[in-house]
Amino acid sequence: MIIRNGGTMRGIKHPITHEIYEVSDDATNVIVNGKAGSGVFTFGGEWVSGDLKSADEHLCGWLGSERGENRFRDAENRTRKLS
């Protein structure tokens, strides 16, 4: 988890590109910020908007999965129930 301005965001730093991948506040997209700009992507890694046109689809998918979600949320605040 990354700490920004004293608060916590739900994101991770890409190990190769050093871009920051974080889940949007409404938990429907992934926001990617890097030196080349920023972009919004689906959890499947498809471009939605912004300067960046490509993202790591595997990292986007991980952030959108229950495993990724569980890393950033406690059991009472999950948006999806575990099966």
C-alpha atoms as a PDB file:
ATOM      1  CA  MET A   1       0.000   0.000   0.000  1.00  0.00           C
ATOM      2  CA  ILE A   2       1.203   3.495  -0.784  1.00  0.00           C
ATOM      3  CA  ILE A   3       0.897   6.503   1.506  1.00  0.00           C
ATOM      4  CA  ARG A   4       0.129   9.813  -0.189  1.00  0.00           C
ATOM      5  CA  ASN A   5      -0.193  13.181   1.593  1.00  0.00           C
ATOM      6  CA  GLY A   6      -0.755  11.495   4.938  1.00  0.00           C
ATOM      7  CA  GLY A   7      -3.616   9.367   3.576  1.00  0.00           C
ATOM      8  CA  THR A   8      -3.711   5.856   2.195  1.00  0.00           C
ATOM      9  CA  MET A   9      -4.531   5.051  -1.411  1.00  0.00           C
ATOM     10  CA  ARG A  10      -5.441   1.684  -2.856  1.00  0.00           C
ATOM     11  CA  GLY A  11      -2.556   1.260  -5.244  1.00  0.00           C
ATOM     12  CA  ILE A  12       0.760  -0.274  -6.115  1.00  0.00           C
ATOM     13  CA  LYS A  13       3.941   0.822  -7.879  1.00  0.00           C
ATOM     14  CA  HIS A  14       4.724  -1.102 -11.072  1.00  0.00           C
ATOM     15  CA  PRO A  15       8.052  -2.912 -10.519  1.00  0.00           C
ATOM     16  CA  ILE A  16       9.462  -2.086 -13.986  1.00  0.00           C
ATOM     17  CA  THR A  17       7.882   1.172 -15.199  1.00  0.00           C
ATOM     18  CA  HIS A  18       7.525   2.690 -11.692  1.00  0.00           C
ATOM     19  CA  GLU A  19       4.053   3.947 -12.643  1.00  0.00           C
ATOM     20  CA  ILE A  20       1.505   4.099  -9.836  1.00  0.00           C
ATOM     21  CA  TYR A  21      -1.586   1.936 -10.369  1.00  0.00           C
ATOM     22  CA  GLU A  22      -4.519   2.670  -8.094  1.00  0.00           C
ATOM     23  CA  VAL A  23      -8.202   1.808  -7.931  1.00  0.00           C
ATOM     24  CA  SER A  24     -10.507   4.757  -8.586  1.00  0.00           C
ATOM     25  CA  ASP A  25     -12.582   6.131  -5.702  1.00  0.00           C
ATOM     26  CA  ASP A  26     -15.726   4.549  -7.130  1.00  0.00           C
ATOM     27  CA  ALA A  27     -13.879   1.193  -7.487  1.00  0.00           C
ATOM     28  CA  THR A  28     -14.765   0.808 -11.173  1.00  0.00           C
ATOM     29  CA  ASN A  29     -11.456   1.629 -12.909  1.00  0.00           C
ATOM     30  CA  VAL A  30      -7.690   1.726 -12.504  1.00  0.00           C
ATOM     31  CA  ILE A  31      -5.897   5.075 -12.600  1.00  0.00           C
ATOM     32  CA  VAL A  32      -2.274   4.950 -13.778  1.00  0.00           C
ATOM     33  CA  ASN A  33       0.137   7.831 -13.093  1.00  0.00           C
ATOM     34  CA  GLY A  34       3.672   8.001 -14.444  1.00  0.00           C
ATOM     35  CA  LYS A  35       6.298  10.298 -15.937  1.00  0.00           C
ATOM     36  CA  ALA A  36       4.589  10.184 -19.354  1.00  0.00           C
ATOM     37  CA  GLY A  37       1.215  11.269 -17.949  1.00  0.00           C
ATOM     38  CA  SER A  38      -1.833   9.536 -16.567  1.00  0.00           C
ATOM     39  CA  GLY A  39      -4.674   7.404 -17.819  1.00  0.00           C
ATOM     40  CA  VAL A  40      -7.809   5.594 -16.764  1.00  0.00           C
ATOM     41  CA  PHE A  41      -8.199   1.906 -17.642  1.00  0.00           C
ATOM     42  CA  THR A  42     -10.694  -0.882 -17.070  1.00  0.00           C
ATOM     43  CA  PHE A  43      -9.755  -3.808 -14.841  1.00  0.00           C
ATOM     44  CA  GLY A  44      -9.051  -5.626 -18.122  1.00  0.00           C
ATOM     45  CA  GLY A  45      -6.401  -3.037 -19.033  1.00  0.00           C
ATOM     46  CA  GLU A  46      -8.446  -1.334 -21.764  1.00  0.00           C
ATOM     47  CA  TRP A  47      -7.915   2.405 -22.193  1.00  0.00           C
ATOM     48  CA  VAL A  48     -10.793   4.670 -21.095  1.00  0.00           C
ATOM     49  CA  SER A  49      -9.243   8.164 -21.064  1.00  0.00           C
ATOM     50  CA  GLY A  50      -6.065  10.155 -20.465  1.00  0.00           C
ATOM     51  CA  ASP A  51      -2.592  10.695 -21.932  1.00  0.00           C
ATOM     52  CA  LEU A  52      -1.356   7.164 -21.294  1.00  0.00           C
ATOM     53  CA  LYS A  53      -2.817   4.768 -23.856  1.00  0.00           C
ATOM     54  CA  SER A  54      -1.480   1.474 -22.502  1.00  0.00           C
ATOM     55  CA  ALA A  55      -1.252  -0.182 -19.115  1.00  0.00           C
ATOM     56  CA  ASP A  56      -0.179  -3.526 -17.685  1.00  0.00           C
ATOM     57  CA  GLU A  57      -3.385  -5.532 -18.141  1.00  0.00           C
ATOM     58  CA  HIS A  58      -2.265  -8.116 -15.588  1.00  0.00           C
ATOM     59  CA  LEU A  59      -1.725  -5.518 -12.874  1.00  0.00           C
ATOM     60  CA  CYS A  60      -5.056  -3.859 -13.729  1.00  0.00           C
ATOM     61  CA  GLY A  61      -6.739  -7.253 -13.465  1.00  0.00           C
ATOM     62  CA  TRP A  62      -5.062  -8.012 -10.163  1.00  0.00           C
ATOM     63  CA  LEU A  63      -6.231  -4.695  -8.681  1.00  0.00           C
ATOM     64  CA  GLY A  64      -9.776  -5.478  -9.800  1.00  0.00           C
ATOM     65  CA  SER A  65      -9.769  -9.021  -8.446  1.00  0.00           C
ATOM     66  CA  GLU A  66     -10.920 -10.153  -5.031  1.00  0.00           C
ATOM     67  CA  ARG A  67      -7.300 -10.785  -4.109  1.00  0.00           C
ATOM     68  CA  GLY A  68      -6.305  -7.234  -5.000  1.00  0.00           C
ATOM     69  CA  GLU A  69      -9.406  -5.809  -3.400  1.00  0.00           C
ATOM     70  CA  ASN A  70      -8.810  -7.720  -0.186  1.00  0.00           C
ATOM     71  CA  ARG A  71      -5.353  -6.225   0.081  1.00  0.00           C
ATOM     72  CA  PHE A  72      -6.849  -2.739   0.333  1.00  0.00           C
ATOM     73  CA  ARG A  73     -10.113  -3.328   2.173  1.00  0.00           C
ATOM     74  CA  ASP A  74     -11.144  -4.988   5.380  1.00  0.00           C
ATOM     75  CA  ALA A  75     -13.800  -7.718   5.448  1.00  0.00           C
ATOM     76  CA  GLU A  76     -16.643  -5.372   6.411  1.00  0.00           C
ATOM     77  CA  ASN A  77     -16.070  -2.949   3.530  1.00  0.00           C
ATOM     78  CA  ARG A  78     -15.700  -5.338   0.576  1.00  0.00           C
ATOM     79  CA  THR A  79     -17.815  -4.556  -2.455  1.00  0.00           C
ATOM     80  CA  ARG A  80     -18.021  -8.232  -3.421  1.00  0.00           C
ATOM     81  CA  LYS A  81     -18.707 -11.162  -1.139  1.00  0.00           C
ATOM     82  CA  LEU A  82     -16.244 -14.012  -1.033  1.00  0.00           C
ATOM     83  CA  SER A  83     -17.628 -17.327  -2.233  1.00  0.00           C
END
